[in-house]
Amino acid sequence: MFKPHDYAYQIEVTVKAMFNCDKYDIGGIVDVNFIERQPFIAIALVMGNFYNKVDISYKEKINDLLGKYYSEMGKSISEIGEEKFKEIMKDFTSIVSTI
């Protein structure tokens, strides 16, 4: 069974750890309910935090991630669907875990 809230929670945990903040900090972008509705805002926030700190190969990975899923921006996790969002999460966690 597809549980968008669980995926949003995974992103929330990542953002909270990265920015050492609470769920209502950064204008509420870190909140699981917000992330469930607008996951790419939180994902782009994390990627943007890394962008000016990494070498060109990681910048390319970040650009590729955001470009690959550009058509999904503005959609909720439910609108994106489970299979596509699993792919997004795999790519997202791959970048975050290696930086």
C-alpha atoms as a PDB file:
ATOM      1  CA  MET A   1       0.000   0.000   0.000  1.00  0.00           C
ATOM      2  CA  PHE A   2       1.348   3.399  -1.050  1.00  0.00           C
ATOM      3  CA  LYS A   3       1.985   5.665   1.947  1.00  0.00           C
ATOM      4  CA  PRO A   4       3.002   9.153   0.774  1.00  0.00           C
ATOM      5  CA  HIS A   5       3.321  10.316   4.385  1.00  0.00           C
ATOM      6  CA  ASP A   6       6.100   7.764   4.998  1.00  0.00           C
ATOM      7  CA  TYR A   7       8.115   9.093   2.053  1.00  0.00           C
ATOM      8  CA  ALA A   8       7.562  12.658   3.262  1.00  0.00           C
ATOM      9  CA  TYR A   9       8.764  11.664   6.716  1.00  0.00           C
ATOM     10  CA  GLN A  10      12.015  10.298   5.245  1.00  0.00           C
ATOM     11  CA  ILE A  11      12.624  13.663   3.590  1.00  0.00           C
ATOM     12  CA  GLU A  12      11.710  15.518   6.790  1.00  0.00           C
ATOM     13  CA  VAL A  13      14.290  13.533   8.768  1.00  0.00           C
ATOM     14  CA  THR A  14      16.957  14.310   6.166  1.00  0.00           C
ATOM     15  CA  VAL A  15      16.187  18.035   6.108  1.00  0.00           C
ATOM     16  CA  LYS A  16      16.041  18.291   9.908  1.00  0.00           C
ATOM     17  CA  ALA A  17      19.406  16.555  10.223  1.00  0.00           C
ATOM     18  CA  MET A  18      21.009  18.619   7.475  1.00  0.00           C
ATOM     19  CA  PHE A  19      19.938  21.977   8.848  1.00  0.00           C
ATOM     20  CA  ASN A  20      19.846  21.001  12.533  1.00  0.00           C
ATOM     21  CA  CYS A  21      16.342  22.399  12.803  1.00  0.00           C
ATOM     22  CA  ASP A  22      12.832  21.547  13.935  1.00  0.00           C
ATOM     23  CA  LYS A  23       9.922  20.692  11.680  1.00  0.00           C
ATOM     24  CA  TYR A  24       8.418  24.193  11.779  1.00  0.00           C
ATOM     25  CA  ASP A  25      11.676  25.995  11.075  1.00  0.00           C
ATOM     26  CA  ILE A  26      12.607  27.353   7.651  1.00  0.00           C
ATOM     27  CA  GLY A  27       9.064  28.561   7.109  1.00  0.00           C
ATOM     28  CA  GLY A  28       7.523  25.141   7.732  1.00  0.00           C
ATOM     29  CA  ILE A  29       9.251  23.581   4.731  1.00  0.00           C
ATOM     30  CA  VAL A  30      10.639  20.890   7.026  1.00  0.00           C
ATOM     31  CA  ASP A  31       7.178  19.717   8.153  1.00  0.00           C
ATOM     32  CA  VAL A  32       6.107  16.290   6.911  1.00  0.00           C
ATOM     33  CA  ASN A  33       2.651  17.558   5.906  1.00  0.00           C
ATOM     34  CA  PHE A  34       4.139  20.348   3.808  1.00  0.00           C
ATOM     35  CA  ILE A  35       6.628  17.931   2.237  1.00  0.00           C
ATOM     36  CA  GLU A  36       3.861  15.497   1.358  1.00  0.00           C
ATOM     37  CA  ARG A  37       2.173  18.274  -0.651  1.00  0.00           C
ATOM     38  CA  GLN A  38       5.360  19.878  -2.077  1.00  0.00           C
ATOM     39  CA  PRO A  39       8.249  17.395  -1.886  1.00  0.00           C
ATOM     40  CA  PHE A  40      10.443  19.180  -4.432  1.00  0.00           C
ATOM     41  CA  ILE A  41      10.701  22.322  -2.364  1.00  0.00           C
ATOM     42  CA  ALA A  42      12.371  20.334   0.409  1.00  0.00           C
ATOM     43  CA  ILE A  43      14.448  18.282  -2.032  1.00  0.00           C
ATOM     44  CA  ALA A  44      15.636  21.435  -3.823  1.00  0.00           C
ATOM     45  CA  LEU A  45      16.434  23.040  -0.462  1.00  0.00           C
ATOM     46  CA  VAL A  46      18.725  20.142   0.409  1.00  0.00           C
ATOM     47  CA  MET A  47      20.333  20.070  -3.033  1.00  0.00           C
ATOM     48  CA  GLY A  48      20.827  23.841  -2.987  1.00  0.00           C
ATOM     49  CA  ASN A  49      22.560  23.610   0.370  1.00  0.00           C
ATOM     50  CA  PHE A  50      25.156  21.332  -1.189  1.00  0.00           C
ATOM     51  CA  TYR A  51      25.457  23.019  -4.567  1.00  0.00           C
ATOM     52  CA  ASN A  52      28.082  25.662  -3.799  1.00  0.00           C
ATOM     53  CA  LYS A  53      30.068  23.330  -1.557  1.00  0.00           C
ATOM     54  CA  VAL A  54      30.699  20.436  -3.940  1.00  0.00           C
ATOM     55  CA  ASP A  55      32.845  19.811  -6.977  1.00  0.00           C
ATOM     56  CA  ILE A  56      31.572  19.836 -10.546  1.00  0.00           C
ATOM     57  CA  SER A  57      30.726  16.114 -10.606  1.00  0.00           C
ATOM     58  CA  TYR A  58      28.272  16.524  -7.732  1.00  0.00           C
ATOM     59  CA  LYS A  59      26.880  19.698  -9.256  1.00  0.00           C
ATOM     60  CA  GLU A  60      26.154  17.647 -12.369  1.00  0.00           C
ATOM     61  CA  LYS A  61      24.400  14.991 -10.270  1.00  0.00           C
ATOM     62  CA  ILE A  62      22.272  17.655  -8.592  1.00  0.00           C
ATOM     63  CA  ASN A  63      21.446  19.273 -11.940  1.00  0.00           C
ATOM     64  CA  ASP A  64      20.610  15.849 -13.383  1.00  0.00           C
ATOM     65  CA  LEU A  65      18.302  14.991 -10.477  1.00  0.00           C
ATOM     66  CA  LEU A  66      16.381  18.247 -10.689  1.00  0.00           C
ATOM     67  CA  GLY A  67      16.281  18.152 -14.487  1.00  0.00           C
ATOM     68  CA  LYS A  68      15.207  14.516 -14.653  1.00  0.00           C
ATOM     69  CA  TYR A  69      12.193  15.135 -12.431  1.00  0.00           C
ATOM     70  CA  TYR A  70      11.396  18.691 -13.483  1.00  0.00           C
ATOM     71  CA  SER A  71       7.981  17.641 -14.776  1.00  0.00           C
ATOM     72  CA  GLU A  72       7.071  16.366 -11.302  1.00  0.00           C
ATOM     73  CA  MET A  73       7.775  19.685  -9.572  1.00  0.00           C
ATOM     74  CA  GLY A  74       4.682  21.273  -8.093  1.00  0.00           C
ATOM     75  CA  LYS A  75       3.015  17.888  -7.612  1.00  0.00           C
ATOM     76  CA  SER A  76       2.284  16.148  -4.347  1.00  0.00           C
ATOM     77  CA  ILE A  77       3.766  12.755  -3.590  1.00  0.00           C
ATOM     78  CA  SER A  78       0.341  11.190  -4.263  1.00  0.00           C
ATOM     79  CA  GLU A  79       0.116  12.892  -7.664  1.00  0.00           C
ATOM     80  CA  ILE A  80       3.583  11.667  -8.593  1.00  0.00           C
ATOM     81  CA  GLY A  81       2.731   8.086  -7.684  1.00  0.00           C
ATOM     82  CA  GLU A  82       4.587   5.376  -5.856  1.00  0.00           C
ATOM     83  CA  GLU A  83       6.805   3.964  -8.585  1.00  0.00           C
ATOM     84  CA  LYS A  84       8.059   7.340  -9.770  1.00  0.00           C
ATOM     85  CA  PHE A  85       8.522   8.587  -6.212  1.00  0.00           C
ATOM     86  CA  LYS A  86      10.535   5.496  -5.275  1.00  0.00           C
ATOM     87  CA  GLU A  87      12.832   6.368  -8.174  1.00  0.00           C
ATOM     88  CA  ILE A  88      13.086   9.980  -7.008  1.00  0.00           C
ATOM     89  CA  MET A  89      13.900   8.893  -3.449  1.00  0.00           C
ATOM     90  CA  LYS A  90      16.537   6.469  -4.688  1.00  0.00           C
ATOM     91  CA  ASP A  91      18.259   9.216  -6.677  1.00  0.00           C
ATOM     92  CA  PHE A  92      17.872  11.756  -3.858  1.00  0.00           C
ATOM     93  CA  THR A  93      19.271   9.485  -1.145  1.00  0.00           C
ATOM     94  CA  SER A  94      22.095   8.405  -3.429  1.00  0.00           C
ATOM     95  CA  ILE A  95      23.294  11.987  -3.722  1.00  0.00           C
ATOM     96  CA  VAL A  96      22.730  12.890  -0.058  1.00  0.00           C
ATOM     97  CA  SER A  97      24.493   9.796   1.244  1.00  0.00           C
ATOM     98  CA  THR A  98      27.622  10.361  -0.851  1.00  0.00           C
ATOM     99  CA  ILE A  99      28.186  14.044  -0.150  1.00  0.00           C
END
